[in-house]
Amino acid sequence: MLPVIYSDQFLAHDTGPYHPESPQRLKAIVQALKAASWADQLEWRLPTPIDQRDLVTQLLQVHDSRYIKALEHLANRGGGYIDSDTPISAQSYDVALLAVSAWLDGVDQVLATNNPAFVLARPPGHHALSESGMGFCLFSNAAIAAHYSLQQPHVKRVAILDWDVHHGNGTQAVVESHPQIAYCSIHQGNFYPGTGAADEQGTYGNVLNLPMAAGSTCADYEPLFQSQVIPFLSQFRPDLLIVSAGYDANRDDPLAAIALQPQDYGLFTDYCLQLTHRIVFGLEGGYDLPSLAQSVQATLERCLTQR
């Protein structure tokens, strides 16, 4: 069985009627997964309730306390905007906490079983900075999960692979000076948020950025997985791999200009599984609903066939 950590509570983060990071994203994925021929091999798990974890302590590993309090205050007032792209509703603070809890559950599950888990949560996190959210993101889910992983027995090194079409500026900013965390991002270059140049290599050579040209296809991505992504991650020898699994590099996605196909994410998943089966996949972007759902299907199907 492959765990999928999900709750309908993630739908309560209300971004408004025309925002691309909408609850419909999760609804489309859930519908597709439950309709898959291998649906009976998925184990749907609710995230640990936010009152059953010391989440603030985990948040403070990454985020400034003033930002955490400001976000809570904004939600308690009924909501508002962190920036022009990032709306907050009355439920958003609690939903964002639950998303963090789900990512931590993913870590717990993978370390307990030595097999992959998929965290189907929102809001996403890889743009969130220590002192502020941005770019649809509230808390830095992957970075928080990486720090949490290092608190667990026998975990000395954690790697994060970010295949979202946008560079995970928030994740990199948090982990680039941490010698026990490696970060690799393959993303559209010269694009939002304007970070992720190839010469950004981290304090300990623990960052690898691979900017891709607009229009790139799997024929451009696959050689880089073979020659750079997997060798970089292998050399780091992580005890756990966290994948910031954004699916907005699809050809049909409205917010970018890379030309991947949903099945390509199955290939990327294969490469990851060749490195380790201890993988936490966590949802980031992806805004064309059909290709988003098909891409998540491709990821999970490959995990099931490689077990």
Protein backbone atom coordinates (compact mmCIF):
# COMPACT_ATOMS: atom_id res chain seq x y z
CA MET A 1 0.00 0.00 0.00
CA LEU A 2 1.16 3.53 -0.83
CA PRO A 3 0.16 6.18 1.73
CA VAL A 4 -1.55 9.35 0.48
CA ILE A 5 -1.84 11.90 3.26
CA TYR A 6 -4.89 14.06 2.60
CA SER A 7 -7.78 15.86 4.30
CA ASP A 8 -10.78 17.72 2.96
CA GLN A 9 -9.75 20.47 5.38
CA PHE A 10 -7.13 21.49 2.80
CA LEU A 11 -10.01 22.74 0.66
CA ALA A 12 -10.82 25.41 3.28
CA HIS A 13 -7.87 27.63 2.29
CA ASP A 14 -9.99 30.03 0.23
CA THR A 15 -7.99 31.90 -2.40
CA GLY A 16 -10.97 33.41 -4.21
CA PRO A 17 -12.90 32.49 -7.36
CA TYR A 18 -10.22 33.14 -9.99
CA HIS A 19 -7.01 32.20 -8.21
CA PRO A 20 -5.02 29.40 -9.88
CA GLU A 21 -4.04 27.82 -6.54
CA SER A 22 -7.59 26.71 -5.82
CA PRO A 23 -9.23 23.83 -3.94
CA GLN A 24 -10.18 22.39 -7.34
CA ARG A 25 -6.58 21.25 -7.71
CA LEU A 26 -6.91 18.74 -4.90
CA LYS A 27 -10.40 17.70 -5.96
CA ALA A 28 -9.11 16.87 -9.46
CA ILE A 29 -6.23 14.82 -8.07
CA VAL A 30 -8.40 12.91 -5.59
CA GLN A 31 -10.93 12.08 -8.30
CA ALA A 32 -8.21 10.83 -10.64
CA LEU A 33 -6.50 8.71 -8.00
CA LYS A 34 -9.74 7.09 -6.86
CA ALA A 35 -10.56 6.25 -10.49
CA ALA A 36 -7.18 4.67 -11.23
CA SER A 37 -7.04 0.94 -11.91
CA TRP A 38 -4.63 0.59 -8.97
CA ALA A 39 -6.72 2.72 -6.56
CA ASP A 40 -7.02 -0.22 -4.14
CA GLN A 41 -3.26 -0.02 -3.58
CA LEU A 42 -3.49 3.48 -2.08
CA GLU A 43 -3.87 3.99 1.65
CA TRP A 44 -5.61 7.29 2.38
CA ARG A 45 -4.42 8.72 5.67
CA LEU A 46 -5.60 11.80 7.52
CA PRO A 47 -2.87 14.17 8.73
CA THR A 48 -2.19 14.42 12.43
CA PRO A 49 -4.50 17.13 13.88
CA ILE A 50 -2.73 20.40 14.58
CA ASP A 51 -3.46 20.22 18.30
CA GLN A 52 -1.62 16.90 18.53
CA ARG A 53 1.75 18.21 17.34
CA ASP A 54 4.03 20.97 18.64
CA LEU A 55 3.95 22.61 15.24
CA VAL A 56 5.11 26.03 16.41
CA THR A 57 8.40 24.53 17.57
CA GLN A 58 8.87 23.00 14.11
CA LEU A 59 7.91 26.27 12.39
CA LEU A 60 10.46 28.17 14.45
CA GLN A 61 13.21 25.99 12.96
CA VAL A 62 12.54 27.87 9.73
CA HIS A 63 10.28 30.90 10.24
CA ASP A 64 10.55 34.14 12.20
CA SER A 65 8.14 34.18 15.13
CA ARG A 66 6.88 37.62 14.10
CA TYR A 67 5.79 36.28 10.73
CA ILE A 68 4.00 33.30 12.29
CA LYS A 69 2.10 35.61 14.65
CA ALA A 70 1.31 38.10 11.87
CA LEU A 71 -0.11 35.34 9.67
CA GLU A 72 -2.26 34.04 12.50
CA HIS A 73 -3.48 37.56 13.25
CA LEU A 74 -4.34 38.22 9.61
CA ALA A 75 -6.40 35.02 9.43
CA ASN A 76 -8.14 35.80 12.71
CA ARG A 77 -9.17 39.17 11.29
CA GLY A 78 -10.85 37.37 8.40
CA GLY A 79 -7.99 37.35 5.92
CA GLY A 80 -6.18 39.61 3.50
CA TYR A 81 -3.09 39.44 1.30
CA ILE A 82 0.55 38.68 2.08
CA ASP A 83 1.44 39.89 -1.39
CA SER A 84 -0.55 40.45 -4.56
CA ASP A 85 -0.43 36.71 -5.39
CA THR A 86 -0.99 35.27 -1.94
CA PRO A 87 -4.42 35.68 -0.34
CA ILE A 88 -5.26 34.59 3.18
CA SER A 89 -8.73 33.54 4.31
CA ALA A 90 -10.04 33.07 7.83
CA GLN A 91 -9.15 29.36 7.72
CA SER A 92 -5.79 29.68 6.01
CA TYR A 93 -3.57 29.72 9.09
CA ASP A 94 -5.01 26.49 10.47
CA VAL A 95 -4.99 24.87 7.03
CA ALA A 96 -1.35 25.85 6.52
CA LEU A 97 -0.51 24.32 9.91
CA LEU A 98 -2.30 21.14 8.90
CA ALA A 99 -0.31 21.06 5.67
CA VAL A 100 2.92 21.23 7.68
CA SER A 101 1.62 18.41 9.88
CA ALA A 102 0.89 16.35 6.78
CA TRP A 103 4.44 16.83 5.48
CA LEU A 104 5.78 15.73 8.88
CA ASP A 105 3.48 12.72 8.74
CA GLY A 106 5.00 11.93 5.37
CA VAL A 107 8.45 11.91 6.97
CA ASP A 108 7.25 9.67 9.80
CA GLN A 109 5.61 7.26 7.38
CA VAL A 110 8.61 6.95 5.08
CA LEU A 111 11.08 6.47 7.92
CA ALA A 112 8.84 3.79 9.43
CA THR A 113 8.40 1.80 6.21
CA ASN A 114 11.41 2.70 4.02
CA ASN A 115 8.94 3.26 1.17
CA PRO A 116 7.49 6.38 -0.48
CA ALA A 117 4.54 8.44 0.68
CA PHE A 118 2.67 11.24 -1.09
CA VAL A 119 1.52 14.36 0.77
CA LEU A 120 -1.52 15.75 -1.00
CA ALA A 121 -1.80 19.09 0.77
CA ARG A 122 -2.15 22.79 0.16
CA PRO A 123 -1.16 25.60 0.41
CA PRO A 124 2.21 24.91 -1.24
CA GLY A 125 5.41 26.06 0.40
CA HIS A 126 8.61 26.36 -1.60
CA HIS A 127 8.45 30.15 -2.12
CA ALA A 128 7.82 30.92 1.57
CA LEU A 129 10.70 32.82 3.14
CA SER A 130 11.68 32.79 6.78
CA GLU A 131 10.04 36.16 7.39
CA SER A 132 7.22 36.11 4.84
CA GLY A 133 5.09 34.01 2.56
CA MET A 134 4.90 34.75 -1.16
CA GLY A 135 3.98 33.14 -4.46
CA PHE A 136 0.91 31.25 -3.15
CA CYS A 137 3.03 29.81 -0.29
CA LEU A 138 2.58 30.35 3.46
CA PHE A 139 4.97 28.00 5.29
CA SER A 140 8.12 26.40 3.90
CA ASN A 141 6.78 22.84 4.03
CA ALA A 142 9.74 21.01 2.48
CA ALA A 143 12.34 22.88 4.52
CA ILE A 144 10.39 22.33 7.75
CA ALA A 145 10.11 18.64 6.90
CA ALA A 146 13.86 18.46 6.25
CA HIS A 147 14.67 20.02 9.63
CA TYR A 148 12.19 17.69 11.31
CA SER A 149 13.78 14.69 9.60
CA LEU A 150 17.15 15.56 11.08
CA GLN A 151 15.62 15.34 14.55
CA GLN A 152 14.76 11.66 13.94
CA PRO A 153 17.07 8.75 14.83
CA HIS A 154 19.60 7.68 12.20
CA VAL A 155 18.89 10.61 9.87
CA LYS A 156 22.09 12.58 9.29
CA ARG A 157 21.55 13.99 5.79
CA VAL A 158 18.42 15.01 3.91
CA ALA A 159 18.14 16.00 0.25
CA ILE A 160 15.37 18.05 -1.37
CA LEU A 161 14.65 17.73 -5.09
CA ASP A 162 12.40 20.48 -6.41
CA TRP A 163 11.01 19.80 -9.88
CA ASP A 164 8.38 22.56 -9.79
CA VAL A 165 8.68 24.87 -12.81
CA HIS A 166 9.46 27.79 -10.48
CA HIS A 167 12.64 27.92 -8.45
CA GLY A 168 12.03 27.25 -4.76
CA ASN A 169 13.64 30.45 -3.52
CA GLY A 170 12.22 30.03 -0.03
CA THR A 171 13.46 26.47 0.38
CA GLN A 172 16.92 27.36 -0.88
CA ALA A 173 17.18 30.43 1.35
CA VAL A 174 16.39 28.30 4.40
CA VAL A 175 18.67 25.33 3.69
CA GLU A 176 21.62 26.64 1.65
CA SER A 177 23.72 27.27 4.77
CA HIS A 178 22.84 23.94 6.41
CA PRO A 179 25.56 21.30 5.84
CA GLN A 180 23.16 18.38 6.43
CA ILE A 181 20.62 19.43 3.79
CA ALA A 182 21.15 19.43 0.03
CA TYR A 183 18.84 21.24 -2.38
CA CYS A 184 18.50 20.59 -6.11
CA SER A 185 16.08 22.52 -8.31
CA ILE A 186 15.34 22.08 -12.00
CA HIS A 187 13.16 24.96 -13.15
CA GLN A 188 12.40 27.47 -15.90
CA GLY A 189 15.23 30.00 -15.99
CA ASN A 190 14.83 33.79 -16.07
CA PHE A 191 11.37 33.37 -14.63
CA TYR A 192 9.46 33.93 -11.38
CA PRO A 193 10.74 34.43 -8.70
CA GLY A 194 13.98 35.50 -10.39
CA THR A 195 16.29 33.26 -8.36
CA GLY A 196 17.90 29.91 -9.00
CA ALA A 197 20.90 30.80 -11.15
CA ALA A 198 23.38 28.02 -11.84
CA ASP A 199 26.09 29.82 -9.88
CA GLU A 200 24.08 29.66 -6.63
CA GLN A 201 25.77 26.65 -5.05
CA GLY A 202 25.20 26.98 -1.30
CA THR A 203 27.62 27.49 1.56
CA TYR A 204 28.82 23.88 1.41
CA GLY A 205 28.34 23.16 -2.28
CA ASN A 206 24.99 21.74 -1.20
CA VAL A 207 22.85 23.54 -3.81
CA LEU A 208 22.45 22.59 -7.46
CA ASN A 209 20.29 24.80 -9.67
CA LEU A 210 19.50 23.75 -13.24
CA PRO A 211 17.66 26.55 -15.09
CA MET A 212 15.84 25.33 -18.18
CA ALA A 213 14.98 27.27 -21.33
CA ALA A 214 11.36 27.97 -22.17
CA GLY A 215 10.00 25.21 -24.39
CA SER A 216 12.21 22.51 -22.87
CA THR A 217 10.87 18.96 -23.10
CA CYS A 218 11.72 15.67 -21.45
CA ALA A 219 14.46 15.26 -24.06
CA ASP A 220 16.15 18.24 -22.39
CA TYR A 221 15.38 17.19 -18.80
CA GLU A 222 16.38 13.52 -18.95
CA PRO A 223 20.09 14.05 -19.75
CA LEU A 224 20.32 16.45 -16.81
CA PHE A 225 18.73 13.92 -14.47
CA GLN A 226 21.32 11.40 -15.63
CA SER A 227 24.38 13.65 -15.63
CA GLN A 228 23.70 16.11 -12.81
CA VAL A 229 20.60 15.59 -10.65
CA ILE A 230 21.14 11.96 -9.66
CA PRO A 231 24.96 12.22 -9.34
CA PHE A 232 24.58 15.31 -7.12
CA LEU A 233 22.03 13.61 -4.88
CA SER A 234 23.94 10.32 -4.83
CA GLN A 235 27.17 12.02 -3.80
CA PHE A 236 25.36 13.66 -0.87
CA ARG A 237 24.16 10.20 0.29
CA PRO A 238 20.87 11.32 1.86
CA ASP A 239 19.09 9.22 4.44
CA LEU A 240 15.82 10.68 3.15
CA LEU A 241 14.77 12.38 -0.08
CA ILE A 242 12.04 15.03 -0.06
CA VAL A 243 10.56 15.91 -3.46
CA SER A 244 8.88 19.28 -3.87
CA ALA A 245 6.55 17.83 -6.45
CA GLY A 246 5.25 20.68 -8.54
CA TYR A 247 3.55 19.79 -11.82
CA ASP A 248 3.46 23.19 -13.51
CA ALA A 249 6.22 22.35 -15.99
CA ASN A 250 3.56 20.58 -18.07
CA ARG A 251 3.01 21.89 -21.58
CA ASP A 252 -0.63 22.75 -20.82
CA ASP A 253 0.05 24.65 -17.60
CA PRO A 254 -1.06 28.30 -17.85
CA LEU A 255 1.63 29.79 -15.60
CA ALA A 256 4.85 28.71 -17.33
CA ALA A 257 6.42 27.74 -20.63
CA ILE A 258 8.07 24.34 -20.20
CA ALA A 259 6.66 21.54 -22.37
CA LEU A 260 6.68 18.37 -20.29
CA GLN A 261 3.98 15.70 -20.53
CA PRO A 262 2.33 14.08 -17.50
CA GLN A 263 4.03 10.73 -18.14
CA ASP A 264 7.43 12.43 -17.87
CA TYR A 265 6.95 12.68 -14.12
CA GLY A 266 6.84 8.90 -13.99
CA LEU A 267 10.32 8.89 -15.51
CA PHE A 268 11.56 11.46 -12.97
CA THR A 269 10.10 9.30 -10.22
CA ASP A 270 12.01 6.30 -11.60
CA TYR A 271 15.27 8.20 -11.29
CA CYS A 272 14.46 9.08 -7.68
CA LEU A 273 13.59 5.49 -6.84
CA GLN A 274 16.94 4.36 -8.25
CA LEU A 275 18.53 6.54 -5.58
CA THR A 276 16.31 5.53 -2.63
CA HIS A 277 12.81 4.37 -1.78
CA ARG A 278 12.80 6.62 1.27
CA ILE A 279 11.02 9.47 -0.53
CA VAL A 280 8.45 11.98 0.68
CA PHE A 281 6.63 13.47 -2.30
CA GLY A 282 4.79 16.69 -1.40
CA LEU A 283 2.57 18.68 -3.72
CA GLU A 284 3.73 22.13 -4.79
CA GLY A 285 2.41 23.78 -8.00
CA GLY A 286 0.45 22.62 -11.04
CA TYR A 287 -2.51 24.60 -12.35
CA ASP A 288 -3.91 22.83 -15.41
CA LEU A 289 -6.24 20.40 -13.70
CA PRO A 290 -6.15 17.49 -16.18
CA SER A 291 -2.37 17.47 -16.57
CA LEU A 292 -1.91 18.01 -12.82
CA ALA A 293 -4.06 14.99 -11.98
CA GLN A 294 -2.43 12.82 -14.66
CA SER A 295 1.05 13.80 -13.45
CA VAL A 296 0.31 12.82 -9.86
CA GLN A 297 -1.09 9.54 -11.19
CA ALA A 298 2.15 8.96 -13.10
CA THR A 299 4.21 9.60 -9.98
CA LEU A 300 2.22 7.24 -7.77
CA GLU A 301 1.87 4.52 -10.40
CA ARG A 302 5.63 4.40 -10.80
CA CYS A 303 6.08 4.14 -7.03
CA LEU A 304 3.68 1.19 -6.98
CA THR A 305 5.32 -0.63 -9.87
CA GLN A 306 8.82 -0.20 -8.41
CA ARG A 307 7.99 -1.57 -4.94
